[in-house]
Amino acid sequence: MSRAVKVLFTVCVALFAFAGAAGVAEAAEDTTQQTDGPYYYYNGYTGYGDDGEFILDQAFINGIANNNFTLNGYPIDMSEQAYLDHGDDAVVTNVYDQHIHVVGEGAVFADMPVNPGAVTEAEMLDVYGKPDHSNYGEQGDNTHYYQMENVQITFNVNDGYVTSVSVGGTHVTE
């Protein structure tokens, strides 16, 4: 082999070794982030087919209650204080079919559509229990607010089906 080929081969091996080590370090970072309590990651559309059923999943509920929810790459700080401190600075960003209120690398609020027919109001009430507050409309448009730990989750209902879910924002008492 010529000397140039040997040098090129050595450089390629070194680059592959470096890239492999960087990948291992990145995976280790992800693992440590996941040990901070219950978490939930969601990527993709929420308003098609039966996609909205994830809102009934106990892992989702635990992630919300622990303010540890990432939606399409945006970690959302759902605490009322984060919304009060940064809500005016947030830029509403449309990602897939959601509206995410982005501040820097994260967000303080997200609104996610749910395909009508995927989750009934009765299923939602069965899983989440009695809401902390509800607004009832005349034509089956209901809104249910839940305060979980330090965060709020809101369900919008139309004709007996959940049509959207919002996380974050300010605590609604009336």
C-alpha atoms as a PDB file:
ATOM      1  CA  MET A   1       0.000   0.000   0.000  1.00  0.00           C
ATOM      2  CA  SER A   2       1.204   3.455  -0.690  1.00  0.00           C
ATOM      3  CA  ARG A   3       1.892   5.814   2.147  1.00  0.00           C
ATOM      4  CA  ALA A   4      -0.957   8.188   1.095  1.00  0.00           C
ATOM      5  CA  VAL A   5      -3.501   5.351   1.196  1.00  0.00           C
ATOM      6  CA  LYS A   6      -2.284   4.299   4.659  1.00  0.00           C
ATOM      7  CA  VAL A   7      -2.591   7.881   5.968  1.00  0.00           C
ATOM      8  CA  LEU A   8      -6.077   8.232   4.471  1.00  0.00           C
ATOM      9  CA  PHE A   9      -7.107   4.888   6.009  1.00  0.00           C
ATOM     10  CA  THR A  10      -5.795   5.968   9.443  1.00  0.00           C
ATOM     11  CA  VAL A  11      -7.657   9.288   9.253  1.00  0.00           C
ATOM     12  CA  CYS A  12     -10.913   7.522   8.307  1.00  0.00           C
ATOM     13  CA  VAL A  13     -10.570   5.041  11.193  1.00  0.00           C
ATOM     14  CA  ALA A  14      -9.921   7.913  13.606  1.00  0.00           C
ATOM     15  CA  LEU A  15     -12.975   9.832  12.353  1.00  0.00           C
ATOM     16  CA  PHE A  16     -15.244   6.793  12.720  1.00  0.00           C
ATOM     17  CA  ALA A  17     -13.924   6.147  16.221  1.00  0.00           C
ATOM     18  CA  PHE A  18     -14.544   9.778  17.194  1.00  0.00           C
ATOM     19  CA  ALA A  19     -18.078   9.743  15.732  1.00  0.00           C
ATOM     20  CA  GLY A  20     -18.874   6.516  17.596  1.00  0.00           C
ATOM     21  CA  ALA A  21     -17.674   7.955  20.910  1.00  0.00           C
ATOM     22  CA  ALA A  22     -19.747  11.103  20.379  1.00  0.00           C
ATOM     23  CA  GLY A  23     -22.842   8.975  19.753  1.00  0.00           C
ATOM     24  CA  VAL A  24     -22.290   7.038  22.985  1.00  0.00           C
ATOM     25  CA  ALA A  25     -21.901  10.270  24.969  1.00  0.00           C
ATOM     26  CA  GLU A  26     -25.127  11.636  23.492  1.00  0.00           C
ATOM     27  CA  ALA A  27     -27.063   8.499  24.424  1.00  0.00           C
ATOM     28  CA  ALA A  28     -25.741   8.760  27.976  1.00  0.00           C
ATOM     29  CA  GLU A  29     -27.032  12.342  28.203  1.00  0.00           C
ATOM     30  CA  ASP A  30     -30.513  11.241  27.123  1.00  0.00           C
ATOM     31  CA  THR A  31     -30.559   8.505  29.760  1.00  0.00           C
ATOM     32  CA  THR A  32     -29.680  10.891  32.587  1.00  0.00           C
ATOM     33  CA  GLN A  33     -32.458  13.280  31.539  1.00  0.00           C
ATOM     34  CA  GLN A  34     -34.981  10.471  31.763  1.00  0.00           C
ATOM     35  CA  THR A  35     -34.160   9.682  35.390  1.00  0.00           C
ATOM     36  CA  ASP A  36     -35.615  12.964  36.690  1.00  0.00           C
ATOM     37  CA  GLY A  37     -38.986  11.314  37.402  1.00  0.00           C
ATOM     38  CA  PRO A  38     -41.891  10.361  35.187  1.00  0.00           C
ATOM     39  CA  TYR A  39     -41.688  11.862  31.719  1.00  0.00           C
ATOM     40  CA  TYR A  40     -43.599  11.683  28.461  1.00  0.00           C
ATOM     41  CA  TYR A  41     -42.373  12.385  24.922  1.00  0.00           C
ATOM     42  CA  TYR A  42     -44.765  12.765  22.012  1.00  0.00           C
ATOM     43  CA  ASN A  43     -43.757  13.260  18.394  1.00  0.00           C
ATOM     44  CA  GLY A  44     -46.098  13.709  15.455  1.00  0.00           C
ATOM     45  CA  TYR A  45     -49.705  14.644  14.841  1.00  0.00           C
ATOM     46  CA  THR A  46     -52.239  14.413  17.666  1.00  0.00           C
ATOM     47  CA  GLY A  47     -55.439  15.090  15.730  1.00  0.00           C
ATOM     48  CA  TYR A  48     -55.679  12.167  13.317  1.00  0.00           C
ATOM     49  CA  GLY A  49     -57.269   8.760  13.728  1.00  0.00           C
ATOM     50  CA  ASP A  50     -57.031   7.408  17.247  1.00  0.00           C
ATOM     51  CA  ASP A  51     -53.805   9.306  17.958  1.00  0.00           C
ATOM     52  CA  GLY A  52     -55.446  11.291  20.754  1.00  0.00           C
ATOM     53  CA  GLU A  53     -55.878   8.236  22.957  1.00  0.00           C
ATOM     54  CA  PHE A  54     -52.424   8.899  24.431  1.00  0.00           C
ATOM     55  CA  ILE A  55     -54.080  11.486  26.718  1.00  0.00           C
ATOM     56  CA  LEU A  56     -55.641   8.577  28.636  1.00  0.00           C
ATOM     57  CA  ASP A  57     -52.270   6.855  29.126  1.00  0.00           C
ATOM     58  CA  GLN A  58     -51.042   6.836  32.750  1.00  0.00           C
ATOM     59  CA  ALA A  59     -47.498   7.575  31.564  1.00  0.00           C
ATOM     60  CA  PHE A  60     -48.783  10.792  29.913  1.00  0.00           C
ATOM     61  CA  ILE A  61     -50.674  11.771  33.068  1.00  0.00           C
ATOM     62  CA  ASN A  62     -47.592  11.139  35.231  1.00  0.00           C
ATOM     63  CA  GLY A  63     -45.380  13.159  32.883  1.00  0.00           C
ATOM     64  CA  ILE A  64     -47.831  16.079  32.976  1.00  0.00           C
ATOM     65  CA  ALA A  65     -48.196  15.920  36.764  1.00  0.00           C
ATOM     66  CA  ASN A  66     -44.393  16.023  37.088  1.00  0.00           C
ATOM     67  CA  ASN A  67     -44.035  18.878  34.570  1.00  0.00           C
ATOM     68  CA  ASN A  68     -41.923  16.615  32.399  1.00  0.00           C
ATOM     69  CA  PHE A  69     -43.519  16.585  28.936  1.00  0.00           C
ATOM     70  CA  THR A  70     -41.781  17.056  25.593  1.00  0.00           C
ATOM     71  CA  LEU A  71     -43.884  17.687  22.489  1.00  0.00           C
ATOM     72  CA  ASN A  72     -42.214  17.378  19.092  1.00  0.00           C
ATOM     73  CA  GLY A  73     -38.811  18.223  20.551  1.00  0.00           C
ATOM     74  CA  TYR A  74     -39.954  21.102  22.773  1.00  0.00           C
ATOM     75  CA  PRO A  75     -39.759  20.500  26.525  1.00  0.00           C
ATOM     76  CA  ILE A  76     -42.765  22.337  27.915  1.00  0.00           C
ATOM     77  CA  ASP A  77     -42.536  24.057  31.289  1.00  0.00           C
ATOM     78  CA  MET A  78     -46.220  23.875  32.173  1.00  0.00           C
ATOM     79  CA  SER A  79     -45.932  25.700  35.499  1.00  0.00           C
ATOM     80  CA  GLU A  80     -48.074  28.777  35.935  1.00  0.00           C
ATOM     81  CA  GLN A  81     -44.984  30.755  36.949  1.00  0.00           C
ATOM     82  CA  ALA A  82     -43.195  29.929  33.690  1.00  0.00           C
ATOM     83  CA  TYR A  83     -46.232  31.110  31.739  1.00  0.00           C
ATOM     84  CA  LEU A  84     -46.519  34.314  33.777  1.00  0.00           C
ATOM     85  CA  ASP A  85     -42.781  35.011  33.431  1.00  0.00           C
ATOM     86  CA  HIS A  86     -42.378  34.138  29.745  1.00  0.00           C
ATOM     87  CA  GLY A  87     -45.823  33.871  28.126  1.00  0.00           C
ATOM     88  CA  ASP A  88     -45.652  37.381  26.650  1.00  0.00           C
ATOM     89  CA  ASP A  89     -42.282  36.556  25.059  1.00  0.00           C
ATOM     90  CA  ALA A  90     -43.474  33.283  23.561  1.00  0.00           C
ATOM     91  CA  VAL A  91     -43.714  32.819  19.816  1.00  0.00           C
ATOM     92  CA  VAL A  92     -46.634  30.648  18.720  1.00  0.00           C
ATOM     93  CA  THR A  93     -45.166  27.957  16.503  1.00  0.00           C
ATOM     94  CA  ASN A  94     -47.189  25.463  14.496  1.00  0.00           C
ATOM     95  CA  VAL A  95     -45.607  22.012  14.656  1.00  0.00           C
ATOM     96  CA  TYR A  96     -47.538  19.294  12.878  1.00  0.00           C
ATOM     97  CA  ASP A  97     -51.096  20.116  14.005  1.00  0.00           C
ATOM     98  CA  GLN A  98     -50.235  21.653  17.392  1.00  0.00           C
ATOM     99  CA  HIS A  99     -49.744  25.258  18.499  1.00  0.00           C
ATOM    100  CA  ILE A 100     -46.711  25.472  20.771  1.00  0.00           C
ATOM    101  CA  HIS A 101     -45.801  28.693  22.609  1.00  0.00           C
ATOM    102  CA  VAL A 102     -42.026  28.597  22.231  1.00  0.00           C
ATOM    103  CA  VAL A 103     -39.535  30.462  24.409  1.00  0.00           C
ATOM    104  CA  GLY A 104     -35.906  29.756  23.562  1.00  0.00           C
ATOM    105  CA  GLU A 105     -35.336  25.998  23.289  1.00  0.00           C
ATOM    106  CA  GLY A 106     -38.520  25.112  25.204  1.00  0.00           C
ATOM    107  CA  ALA A 107     -42.120  26.181  25.546  1.00  0.00           C
ATOM    108  CA  VAL A 108     -44.619  27.357  28.175  1.00  0.00           C
ATOM    109  CA  PHE A 109     -47.926  26.268  26.600  1.00  0.00           C
ATOM    110  CA  ALA A 110     -49.188  23.826  23.986  1.00  0.00           C
ATOM    111  CA  ASP A 111     -52.559  23.229  22.387  1.00  0.00           C
ATOM    112  CA  MET A 112     -53.047  19.802  20.802  1.00  0.00           C
ATOM    113  CA  PRO A 113     -56.051  18.812  18.714  1.00  0.00           C
ATOM    114  CA  VAL A 114     -57.659  15.425  19.328  1.00  0.00           C
ATOM    115  CA  ASN A 115     -59.604  13.766  16.538  1.00  0.00           C
ATOM    116  CA  PRO A 116     -63.308  13.956  17.446  1.00  0.00           C
ATOM    117  CA  GLY A 117     -64.328  10.386  18.069  1.00  0.00           C
ATOM    118  CA  ALA A 118     -60.979   9.220  19.460  1.00  0.00           C
ATOM    119  CA  VAL A 119     -61.668  10.035  23.155  1.00  0.00           C
ATOM    120  CA  THR A 120     -65.100  10.509  24.700  1.00  0.00           C
ATOM    121  CA  GLU A 121     -65.820  12.997  27.449  1.00  0.00           C
ATOM    122  CA  ALA A 122     -66.888  10.054  29.632  1.00  0.00           C
ATOM    123  CA  GLU A 123     -63.535   8.284  29.092  1.00  0.00           C
ATOM    124  CA  MET A 124     -61.657  11.472  29.950  1.00  0.00           C
ATOM    125  CA  LEU A 125     -63.737  12.012  33.117  1.00  0.00           C
ATOM    126  CA  ASP A 126     -63.284   8.366  34.098  1.00  0.00           C
ATOM    127  CA  VAL A 127     -59.482   8.640  33.862  1.00  0.00           C
ATOM    128  CA  TYR A 128     -58.981  12.168  35.259  1.00  0.00           C
ATOM    129  CA  GLY A 129     -61.885  12.300  37.708  1.00  0.00           C
ATOM    130  CA  LYS A 130     -63.908  15.341  38.655  1.00  0.00           C
ATOM    131  CA  PRO A 131     -62.419  18.530  37.173  1.00  0.00           C
ATOM    132  CA  ASP A 132     -61.266  21.381  39.377  1.00  0.00           C
ATOM    133  CA  HIS A 133     -63.403  23.669  37.241  1.00  0.00           C
ATOM    134  CA  SER A 134     -65.666  23.324  34.182  1.00  0.00           C
ATOM    135  CA  ASN A 135     -67.401  25.659  31.777  1.00  0.00           C
ATOM    136  CA  TYR A 136     -70.493  24.211  30.137  1.00  0.00           C
ATOM    137  CA  GLY A 137     -71.724  25.592  26.834  1.00  0.00           C
ATOM    138  CA  GLU A 138     -75.272  25.437  25.522  1.00  0.00           C
ATOM    139  CA  GLN A 139     -74.458  23.273  22.510  1.00  0.00           C
ATOM    140  CA  GLY A 140     -72.274  20.580  24.084  1.00  0.00           C
ATOM    141  CA  ASP A 141     -69.130  22.714  24.109  1.00  0.00           C
ATOM    142  CA  ASN A 142     -67.570  22.005  27.497  1.00  0.00           C
ATOM    143  CA  THR A 143     -64.182  22.883  28.933  1.00  0.00           C
ATOM    144  CA  HIS A 144     -62.698  20.983  31.878  1.00  0.00           C
ATOM    145  CA  TYR A 145     -59.714  22.277  33.865  1.00  0.00           C
ATOM    146  CA  TYR A 146     -57.490  20.117  36.052  1.00  0.00           C
ATOM    147  CA  GLN A 147     -54.742  21.362  38.335  1.00  0.00           C
ATOM    148  CA  MET A 148     -52.114  18.608  38.612  1.00  0.00           C
ATOM    149  CA  GLU A 149     -49.348  19.418  41.075  1.00  0.00           C
ATOM    150  CA  ASN A 150     -48.065  22.741  39.746  1.00  0.00           C
ATOM    151  CA  VAL A 151     -49.481  22.531  36.188  1.00  0.00           C
ATOM    152  CA  GLN A 152     -52.824  22.844  34.456  1.00  0.00           C
ATOM    153  CA  ILE A 153     -54.285  20.612  31.766  1.00  0.00           C
ATOM    154  CA  THR A 154     -57.431  21.683  29.922  1.00  0.00           C
ATOM    155  CA  PHE A 155     -59.784  19.524  27.858  1.00  0.00           C
ATOM    156  CA  ASN A 156     -62.119  21.028  25.277  1.00  0.00           C
ATOM    157  CA  VAL A 157     -65.148  18.910  24.456  1.00  0.00           C
ATOM    158  CA  ASN A 158     -67.702  19.120  21.672  1.00  0.00           C
ATOM    159  CA  ASP A 159     -70.755  16.865  21.431  1.00  0.00           C
ATOM    160  CA  GLY A 160     -69.347  14.405  23.958  1.00  0.00           C
ATOM    161  CA  TYR A 161     -65.855  14.044  22.453  1.00  0.00           C
ATOM    162  CA  VAL A 162     -62.559  15.630  23.464  1.00  0.00           C
ATOM    163  CA  THR A 163     -61.484  17.893  20.589  1.00  0.00           C
ATOM    164  CA  SER A 164     -58.319  19.436  22.046  1.00  0.00           C
ATOM    165  CA  VAL A 165     -56.036  19.368  25.067  1.00  0.00           C
ATOM    166  CA  SER A 166     -53.962  22.281  26.349  1.00  0.00           C
ATOM    167  CA  VAL A 167     -51.097  22.096  28.812  1.00  0.00           C
ATOM    168  CA  GLY A 168     -49.585  25.025  30.678  1.00  0.00           C
ATOM    169  CA  GLY A 169     -50.938  28.518  31.081  1.00  0.00           C
ATOM    170  CA  THR A 170     -52.530  30.131  34.094  1.00  0.00           C
ATOM    171  CA  HIS A 171     -54.691  28.432  36.695  1.00  0.00           C
ATOM    172  CA  VAL A 172     -58.406  28.873  35.988  1.00  0.00           C
ATOM    173  CA  THR A 173     -60.640  29.070  39.049  1.00  0.00           C
ATOM    174  CA  GLU A 174     -63.844  30.497  37.585  1.00  0.00           C
END
